[in-house]
Amino acid sequence: MSKDAKILLALVAVFLAASFIPFGRSNVQGAFAEAFALLQEYARRHVLLCLIPAFFIAGAITVFIRQEAVIRYLGPKSNKVLAYGIASVSGTILAVCSCTVLPLFAGIYTRGAGIGPASAFLYSGPAINVLAITLTAKVLGLKLGLARALGAVVFSVVIGLLMHAFFGREAARERESGDFGAGGAPAALARPLWKTGLYFAVMIGILVFMNWGKGDSSLGLWNAVYSAKWAISGGLWMTLFVILLRWFSREEIKEWVLSTWIFTKQIFPLLLAGIFVAGFLLGRPGHEALIPNRWIAGLVGGNSVWANLFAAVSGALIYFCTLTEVPILHGLLGSGMGQGPALALLLAGPALSLPSIIVIRRMMGTKKALTYIALVVVMSTVAGILFGRLFG
């Protein structure tokens, strides 16, 4: 579609919305209020602490990680056990949400990671959150917690292998004809590996500790880290400043910032638009918007195929802040939600959301994005059906 055609389509959409949306109705006004509330909540809780550090890490991957290294460990011809092993457990370190993982995925994908390992990383990053899985087991039951942990690891590997089987050759052709992996600071090649590794470890530490969540009273060590998270984060910020001052040239830092900006302007506007739409349709967790919550709650009772499919699709569209899915599901289970649909939502929800879907489509292309989304939804549905029949 040409640029002029897109502009025309946008103008028509705005005209139709202005002409026919019943702004005077209370439910529509409430939906707009929820849209802005979700946007504000995301801005306050995630942009500074999650998204900006993730953008800088993505920019650093593009500039300071050698393309040969990414291809060796995560490329289409890399050792499959090593590639998918690394990608499938990445979420235990990062503990990011479905939106924060996007710039990190973009970083490794543009540096040469195969479509399979990159897709496995895209799923596992938000899905395998240690505290979320622990909280699931304690609040929703050990069976659901173990099923969520096992399903997340297995799903990431299976989804990655299937994406490689479907699109591996196509992605390789795109790389040969495109400019994937172009750029990179020449001085980075001369820098010792341990310095580059420490630089990335400090940035990942900043991302992890600034977003360290509080657990329940039984997680003593976890909560001790939570109490000290700002002190730890401050120390890491000071360490990063010293590293940049001593080990990096001004030109390298400029290139890093420019690469970060490229990712930001590509991803951030789409995320904001997606969050606004998600808030308008579905509202914040626990708040009602255009689609009534009772409709959703009434459709996930029992363990039928439809209930599991609906739970998986709903999970793929709703934006969950990290850990919020657990108390929401606790309430839904108390209202009659089946065990199978609960697992289906747990496996699809953290990995996808309407905002992330919009960005994934932009980065992967429509065909790959739809396939990835379909794999997540179908596999979550099947897992929910099996779990429901075994333990429902």
Protein backbone atom coordinates (compact mmCIF):
# COMPACT_ATOMS: atom_id res chain seq x y z
CA MET A 1 0.00 0.00 0.00
CA SER A 2 1.40 3.39 -0.97
CA LYS A 3 1.95 6.21 1.51
CA ASP A 4 -0.85 8.28 -0.04
CA ALA A 5 -3.24 5.34 0.19
CA LYS A 6 -2.42 4.90 3.89
CA ILE A 7 -3.03 8.60 4.53
CA LEU A 8 -6.37 8.39 2.69
CA LEU A 9 -7.37 5.31 4.67
CA ALA A 10 -6.50 7.05 7.94
CA LEU A 11 -8.52 10.13 6.98
CA VAL A 12 -11.54 7.97 6.08
CA ALA A 13 -11.25 6.11 9.38
CA VAL A 14 -11.14 9.38 11.36
CA PHE A 15 -14.14 10.73 9.41
CA LEU A 16 -16.21 7.58 10.03
CA ALA A 17 -15.28 7.55 13.72
CA ALA A 18 -16.17 11.22 14.14
CA SER A 19 -19.47 10.70 12.30
CA PHE A 20 -20.79 7.50 13.81
CA ILE A 21 -19.26 6.81 17.24
CA PRO A 22 -21.98 7.60 19.82
CA PHE A 23 -19.83 9.76 22.08
CA GLY A 24 -22.79 10.69 24.24
CA ARG A 25 -23.40 7.15 25.49
CA SER A 26 -22.04 6.42 28.96
CA ASN A 27 -20.39 3.12 27.98
CA VAL A 28 -18.50 4.78 25.12
CA GLN A 29 -17.37 7.61 27.41
CA GLY A 30 -16.29 5.01 29.95
CA ALA A 31 -14.36 3.13 27.26
CA PHE A 32 -12.47 6.27 26.29
CA ALA A 33 -11.73 6.92 29.96
CA GLU A 34 -10.36 3.38 30.29
CA ALA A 35 -8.27 3.80 27.15
CA PHE A 36 -6.57 6.91 28.54
CA ALA A 37 -6.29 5.31 31.99
CA LEU A 38 -4.51 2.25 30.57
CA LEU A 39 -2.26 4.50 28.51
CA GLN A 40 -1.41 6.53 31.62
CA GLU A 41 -0.81 3.39 33.67
CA TYR A 42 1.54 2.03 31.04
CA ALA A 43 3.41 5.32 30.80
CA ARG A 44 3.86 5.56 34.56
CA ARG A 45 4.76 1.95 35.26
CA HIS A 46 6.55 0.71 32.17
CA VAL A 47 8.00 3.36 29.88
CA LEU A 48 10.81 4.64 32.12
CA LEU A 49 11.49 1.42 34.00
CA CYS A 50 10.96 -1.20 31.28
CA LEU A 51 10.71 0.12 27.77
CA ILE A 52 13.51 2.69 27.66
CA PRO A 53 16.13 0.31 29.13
CA ALA A 54 14.94 -2.34 26.65
CA PHE A 55 15.34 0.08 23.74
CA PHE A 56 18.89 0.90 24.82
CA ILE A 57 19.73 -2.80 25.13
CA ALA A 58 18.30 -3.40 21.65
CA GLY A 59 20.34 -0.51 20.28
CA ALA A 60 23.47 -1.88 21.96
CA ILE A 61 22.88 -5.33 20.45
CA THR A 62 22.77 -3.77 16.99
CA VAL A 63 25.92 -1.70 17.48
CA PHE A 64 28.18 -3.71 19.79
CA ILE A 65 27.32 -7.37 19.21
CA ARG A 66 29.12 -8.87 16.27
CA GLN A 67 26.76 -10.32 13.70
CA GLU A 68 28.96 -13.42 13.46
CA ALA A 69 28.38 -14.16 17.16
CA VAL A 70 24.59 -13.89 16.89
CA ILE A 71 24.58 -16.11 13.81
CA ARG A 72 26.87 -18.63 15.51
CA TYR A 73 24.65 -19.08 18.56
CA LEU A 74 21.16 -18.11 17.36
CA GLY A 75 21.41 -18.19 13.57
CA PRO A 76 19.47 -20.50 11.25
CA LYS A 77 22.45 -22.88 10.95
CA SER A 78 23.51 -22.80 14.60
CA ASN A 79 23.45 -25.77 16.94
CA LYS A 80 19.73 -26.29 17.51
CA VAL A 81 20.05 -27.54 21.08
CA LEU A 82 22.16 -24.54 22.07
CA ALA A 83 20.07 -21.98 20.13
CA TYR A 84 16.68 -23.10 21.40
CA GLY A 85 18.05 -23.84 24.85
CA ILE A 86 19.25 -20.24 25.21
CA ALA A 87 16.09 -18.76 23.71
CA SER A 88 13.65 -20.89 25.69
CA VAL A 89 14.91 -19.92 29.15
CA SER A 90 15.67 -16.24 28.47
CA GLY A 91 12.58 -15.13 30.36
CA THR A 92 13.95 -16.45 33.66
CA ILE A 93 16.60 -13.73 33.44
CA LEU A 94 14.67 -10.88 31.82
CA ALA A 95 11.18 -11.21 33.37
CA VAL A 96 9.72 -8.69 30.90
CA CYS A 97 6.19 -8.14 29.64
CA SER A 98 4.85 -8.78 26.13
CA CYS A 99 5.66 -5.21 25.06
CA THR A 100 9.09 -4.81 26.67
CA VAL A 101 10.41 -7.92 24.91
CA LEU A 102 9.72 -6.41 21.46
CA PRO A 103 12.79 -4.15 21.13
CA LEU A 104 14.98 -6.98 22.45
CA PHE A 105 13.52 -9.33 19.84
CA ALA A 106 14.07 -6.70 17.16
CA GLY A 107 17.68 -6.32 18.26
CA ILE A 108 18.67 -9.97 17.97
CA TYR A 109 16.58 -10.55 14.85
CA THR A 110 18.15 -7.69 12.93
CA ARG A 111 21.62 -8.92 13.93
CA GLY A 112 21.10 -12.30 12.30
CA ALA A 113 19.19 -14.56 14.68
CA GLY A 114 17.18 -17.19 12.85
CA ILE A 115 13.41 -16.85 12.71
CA GLY A 116 13.10 -19.97 14.88
CA PRO A 117 15.32 -19.00 17.84
CA ALA A 118 14.12 -15.38 17.60
CA SER A 119 10.48 -16.53 17.82
CA ALA A 120 11.34 -18.80 20.75
CA PHE A 121 12.91 -15.81 22.48
CA LEU A 122 9.89 -13.64 21.65
CA TYR A 123 7.59 -16.13 23.40
CA SER A 124 9.78 -17.11 26.33
CA GLY A 125 10.85 -13.56 27.28
CA PRO A 126 7.51 -12.63 28.88
CA ALA A 127 6.16 -16.16 29.44
CA ILE A 128 8.84 -17.64 31.72
CA ASN A 129 8.76 -15.19 34.60
CA VAL A 130 10.04 -16.89 37.77
CA LEU A 131 8.00 -14.82 40.21
CA ALA A 132 4.85 -15.06 38.09
CA ILE A 133 5.14 -18.86 37.91
CA THR A 134 5.84 -19.05 41.66
CA LEU A 135 2.88 -16.80 42.41
CA THR A 136 0.68 -18.89 40.11
CA ALA A 137 1.57 -22.04 42.02
CA LYS A 138 0.91 -20.48 45.42
CA VAL A 139 -2.31 -18.63 44.55
CA LEU A 140 -3.88 -20.81 41.86
CA GLY A 141 -2.47 -24.18 42.87
CA LEU A 142 0.67 -26.23 42.31
CA LYS A 143 -0.77 -28.04 39.28
CA LEU A 144 -1.48 -24.81 37.39
CA GLY A 145 1.92 -23.41 38.37
CA LEU A 146 3.81 -26.47 37.13
CA ALA A 147 1.69 -26.67 33.98
CA ARG A 148 2.40 -23.00 33.23
CA ALA A 149 6.15 -23.44 33.72
CA LEU A 150 6.37 -26.62 31.63
CA GLY A 151 4.05 -25.27 28.95
CA ALA A 152 6.00 -22.03 28.58
CA VAL A 153 9.33 -23.81 28.02
CA VAL A 154 7.87 -26.42 25.66
CA PHE A 155 5.84 -23.82 23.75
CA SER A 156 8.85 -21.59 23.12
CA VAL A 157 10.83 -24.46 21.60
CA VAL A 158 7.94 -25.87 19.55
CA ILE A 159 6.88 -22.44 18.27
CA GLY A 160 10.47 -21.66 17.31
CA LEU A 161 10.93 -24.97 15.47
CA LEU A 162 7.65 -24.56 13.59
CA MET A 163 8.42 -20.95 12.62
CA HIS A 164 11.79 -22.14 11.29
CA ALA A 165 10.09 -24.98 9.38
CA PHE A 166 7.53 -22.60 7.85
CA PHE A 167 9.71 -19.55 7.16
CA GLY A 168 13.36 -20.52 7.57
CA ARG A 169 14.21 -20.41 3.87
CA GLU A 170 12.13 -17.31 3.25
CA ALA A 171 13.82 -15.47 6.12
CA ALA A 172 17.24 -16.51 4.81
CA ARG A 173 16.40 -15.10 1.37
CA GLU A 174 15.22 -11.85 2.95
CA ARG A 175 18.53 -11.51 4.78
CA GLU A 176 20.54 -12.14 1.62
CA SER A 177 18.65 -9.43 -0.26
CA GLY A 178 18.30 -6.94 2.64
CA ASP A 179 20.52 -5.06 5.04
CA PHE A 180 20.11 -7.16 8.17
CA GLY A 181 23.02 -6.78 10.50
CA ALA A 182 24.44 -3.74 8.74
CA GLY A 183 26.39 -1.31 10.83
CA GLY A 184 28.21 -1.77 14.09
CA ALA A 185 31.04 0.17 15.65
CA PRO A 186 34.45 -0.97 14.34
CA ALA A 187 36.05 -0.30 17.73
CA ALA A 188 33.75 -2.91 19.25
CA LEU A 189 35.71 -5.60 17.44
CA ALA A 190 38.90 -4.65 19.30
CA ARG A 191 37.28 -4.42 22.75
CA PRO A 192 37.86 -7.49 24.97
CA LEU A 193 34.88 -9.80 25.16
CA TRP A 194 34.66 -9.55 28.94
CA LYS A 195 34.20 -5.78 28.74
CA THR A 196 31.33 -6.09 26.25
CA GLY A 197 29.82 -8.87 28.36
CA LEU A 198 29.99 -6.79 31.53
CA TYR A 199 28.45 -3.82 29.72
CA PHE A 200 25.44 -5.91 28.67
CA ALA A 201 25.20 -7.63 32.05
CA VAL A 202 24.96 -4.25 33.79
CA MET A 203 22.22 -3.04 31.43
CA ILE A 204 20.24 -6.27 31.84
CA GLY A 205 20.71 -5.96 35.60
CA ILE A 206 19.27 -2.44 35.49
CA LEU A 207 16.24 -3.72 33.55
CA VAL A 208 15.72 -6.66 35.94
CA PHE A 209 16.23 -4.95 39.29
CA MET A 210 14.31 -1.75 38.51
CA ASN A 211 11.31 -3.96 37.73
CA TRP A 212 11.78 -6.44 40.58
CA GLY A 213 8.32 -7.19 41.99
CA LYS A 214 7.35 -7.94 45.57
CA GLY A 215 6.44 -11.53 46.42
CA ASP A 216 4.45 -12.91 49.32
CA SER A 217 5.78 -13.32 52.87
CA SER A 218 7.27 -16.78 52.23
CA LEU A 219 9.74 -15.46 49.63
CA GLY A 220 12.22 -13.98 52.09
CA LEU A 221 15.27 -13.63 49.85
CA TRP A 222 13.17 -12.39 46.95
CA ASN A 223 11.61 -9.68 49.12
CA ALA A 224 15.01 -8.76 50.55
CA VAL A 225 16.15 -8.00 47.02
CA TYR A 226 12.92 -6.06 46.45
CA SER A 227 13.64 -3.90 49.49
CA ALA A 228 17.10 -3.10 48.14
CA LYS A 229 16.20 -2.85 44.46
CA TRP A 230 16.69 0.92 44.17
CA ALA A 231 20.06 0.77 45.87
CA ILE A 232 21.12 -2.07 43.57
CA SER A 233 19.77 -0.25 40.52
CA GLY A 234 21.56 2.95 41.52
CA GLY A 235 24.83 1.07 41.86
CA LEU A 236 24.35 -0.48 38.43
CA TRP A 237 23.61 2.93 36.88
CA MET A 238 26.85 4.30 38.34
CA THR A 239 28.73 1.27 37.05
CA LEU A 240 27.27 1.78 33.57
CA PHE A 241 28.31 5.44 33.63
CA VAL A 242 31.91 4.50 34.52
CA ILE A 243 31.97 1.80 31.82
CA LEU A 244 30.80 4.24 29.16
CA LEU A 245 33.25 6.88 30.31
CA ARG A 246 36.30 4.61 30.33
CA TRP A 247 35.70 2.00 27.63
CA PHE A 248 33.60 3.68 24.94
CA SER A 249 34.41 6.48 22.57
CA ARG A 250 32.10 9.42 21.94
CA GLU A 251 31.41 8.16 18.40
CA GLU A 252 30.39 4.73 19.70
CA ILE A 253 28.01 6.27 22.21
CA LYS A 254 26.49 8.46 19.48
CA GLU A 255 25.96 5.41 17.27
CA TRP A 256 24.40 3.53 20.19
CA VAL A 257 21.97 6.38 20.87
CA LEU A 258 21.11 6.63 17.15
CA SER A 259 20.41 2.89 16.95
CA THR A 260 18.24 3.13 20.07
CA TRP A 261 16.28 6.00 18.51
CA ILE A 262 15.67 3.97 15.34
CA PHE A 263 14.06 1.18 17.37
CA THR A 264 12.11 3.68 19.48
CA LYS A 265 10.52 5.55 16.57
CA GLN A 266 9.62 2.24 14.85
CA ILE A 267 8.04 0.53 17.85
CA PHE A 268 6.90 3.08 20.43
CA PRO A 269 4.12 4.85 18.43
CA LEU A 270 2.57 1.50 17.48
CA LEU A 271 2.67 0.37 21.10
CA LEU A 272 0.89 3.48 22.30
CA ALA A 273 -1.80 3.10 19.63
CA GLY A 274 -2.26 -0.57 20.51
CA ILE A 275 -2.51 0.15 24.23
CA PHE A 276 -5.14 2.82 23.59
CA VAL A 277 -7.25 0.45 21.47
CA ALA A 278 -6.88 -2.35 24.02
CA GLY A 279 -7.99 -0.03 26.79
CA PHE A 280 -10.97 1.21 24.77
CA LEU A 281 -12.22 -2.30 23.99
CA LEU A 282 -11.22 -4.31 27.05
CA GLY A 283 -10.23 -1.81 29.72
CA ARG A 284 -7.70 -2.32 32.45
CA PRO A 285 -7.72 -5.64 34.32
CA GLY A 286 -10.58 -5.40 36.80
CA HIS A 287 -12.19 -2.42 35.03
CA GLU A 288 -14.88 -2.51 32.39
CA ALA A 289 -14.69 -0.79 28.99
CA LEU A 290 -16.69 -1.24 25.79
CA ILE A 291 -16.79 -5.06 26.05
CA PRO A 292 -18.47 -6.00 29.38
CA ASN A 293 -16.40 -8.18 31.71
CA ARG A 294 -19.40 -10.44 32.36
CA TRP A 295 -19.34 -11.51 28.71
CA ILE A 296 -15.79 -12.76 29.09
CA ALA A 297 -16.40 -14.40 32.47
CA GLY A 298 -19.51 -16.15 31.17
CA LEU A 299 -17.69 -17.64 28.18
CA VAL A 300 -14.83 -19.37 30.01
CA GLY A 301 -16.80 -21.62 32.32
CA GLY A 302 -16.24 -25.38 32.08
CA ASN A 303 -13.59 -26.99 29.91
CA SER A 304 -15.12 -27.08 26.44
CA VAL A 305 -13.11 -26.45 23.29
CA TRP A 306 -14.87 -23.12 22.85
CA ALA A 307 -14.14 -22.01 26.44
CA ASN A 308 -10.43 -22.81 26.02
CA LEU A 309 -10.25 -21.15 22.61
CA PHE A 310 -12.00 -18.04 23.90
CA ALA A 311 -9.67 -17.87 26.91
CA ALA A 312 -6.62 -18.16 24.66
CA VAL A 313 -7.87 -15.48 22.25
CA SER A 314 -8.85 -13.18 25.12
CA GLY A 315 -5.44 -13.66 26.71
CA ALA A 316 -3.75 -12.86 23.41
CA LEU A 317 -5.63 -9.54 23.14
CA ILE A 318 -5.73 -8.24 26.72
CA TYR A 319 -2.67 -6.37 27.97
CA PHE A 320 -1.53 -7.75 31.33
CA CYS A 321 1.02 -5.90 33.41
CA THR A 322 3.49 -8.38 34.90
CA LEU A 323 1.85 -10.51 37.65
CA THR A 324 -1.64 -8.98 37.26
CA GLU A 325 -2.90 -12.07 35.44
CA VAL A 326 -2.70 -14.13 38.66
CA PRO A 327 -5.18 -12.19 40.85
CA ILE A 328 -7.46 -11.70 37.84
CA LEU A 329 -7.55 -15.45 37.20
CA HIS A 330 -8.06 -16.07 40.90
CA GLY A 331 -11.26 -14.05 40.69
CA LEU A 332 -12.37 -15.71 37.45
CA LEU A 333 -11.79 -19.19 38.88
CA GLY A 334 -13.93 -18.21 41.84
CA SER A 335 -16.66 -17.15 39.40
CA GLY A 336 -16.72 -20.52 37.64
CA MET A 337 -13.83 -20.43 35.15
CA GLY A 338 -12.56 -23.90 34.27
CA GLN A 339 -9.03 -25.09 35.00
CA GLY A 340 -8.34 -25.64 31.30
CA PRO A 341 -9.30 -22.11 30.17
CA ALA A 342 -7.27 -20.73 33.09
CA LEU A 343 -4.13 -22.46 31.77
CA ALA A 344 -4.93 -21.40 28.20
CA LEU A 345 -5.09 -17.78 29.29
CA LEU A 346 -1.89 -18.12 31.35
CA LEU A 347 0.02 -19.47 28.35
CA ALA A 348 -1.31 -16.98 25.78
CA GLY A 349 -1.78 -13.87 27.93
CA PRO A 350 1.72 -12.87 29.09
CA ALA A 351 3.26 -13.66 25.67
CA LEU A 352 0.85 -11.62 23.56
CA SER A 353 -1.34 -8.53 23.77
CA LEU A 354 -3.09 -6.33 21.24
CA PRO A 355 -0.29 -3.72 21.41
CA SER A 356 2.43 -6.35 20.90
CA ILE A 357 0.51 -7.97 18.04
CA ILE A 358 0.48 -4.65 16.16
CA VAL A 359 4.24 -4.30 16.54
CA ILE A 360 5.01 -7.96 15.77
CA ARG A 361 3.12 -7.63 12.50
CA ARG A 362 5.22 -4.56 11.64
CA MET A 363 8.51 -6.32 12.41
CA MET A 364 7.79 -9.80 11.02
CA GLY A 365 5.36 -9.07 8.25
CA THR A 366 1.71 -10.11 8.14
CA LYS A 367 2.19 -13.77 7.20
CA LYS A 368 4.83 -14.57 9.82
CA ALA A 369 3.03 -12.58 12.51
CA LEU A 370 -0.31 -14.29 11.90
CA THR A 371 1.39 -17.68 11.96
CA TYR A 372 3.17 -16.89 15.24
CA ILE A 373 -0.05 -15.62 16.84
CA ALA A 374 -2.02 -18.63 15.58
CA LEU A 375 0.59 -21.02 17.01
CA VAL A 376 0.39 -19.36 20.43
CA VAL A 377 -3.42 -19.40 20.46
CA VAL A 378 -3.85 -22.94 19.10
CA MET A 379 -1.21 -24.47 21.36
CA SER A 380 -2.62 -22.66 24.40
CA THR A 381 -6.08 -23.94 23.51
CA VAL A 382 -4.90 -27.54 23.11
CA ALA A 383 -2.91 -27.37 26.36
CA GLY A 384 -5.98 -26.01 28.15
CA ILE A 385 -8.21 -28.77 26.81
CA LEU A 386 -5.77 -31.51 27.89
CA PHE A 387 -5.19 -29.95 31.29
CA GLY A 388 -8.90 -29.48 31.86
CA ARG A 389 -9.66 -33.11 31.05
CA LEU A 390 -6.89 -34.34 33.34
CA PHE A 391 -7.41 -32.03 36.31
CA GLY A 392 -10.64 -30.09 35.70
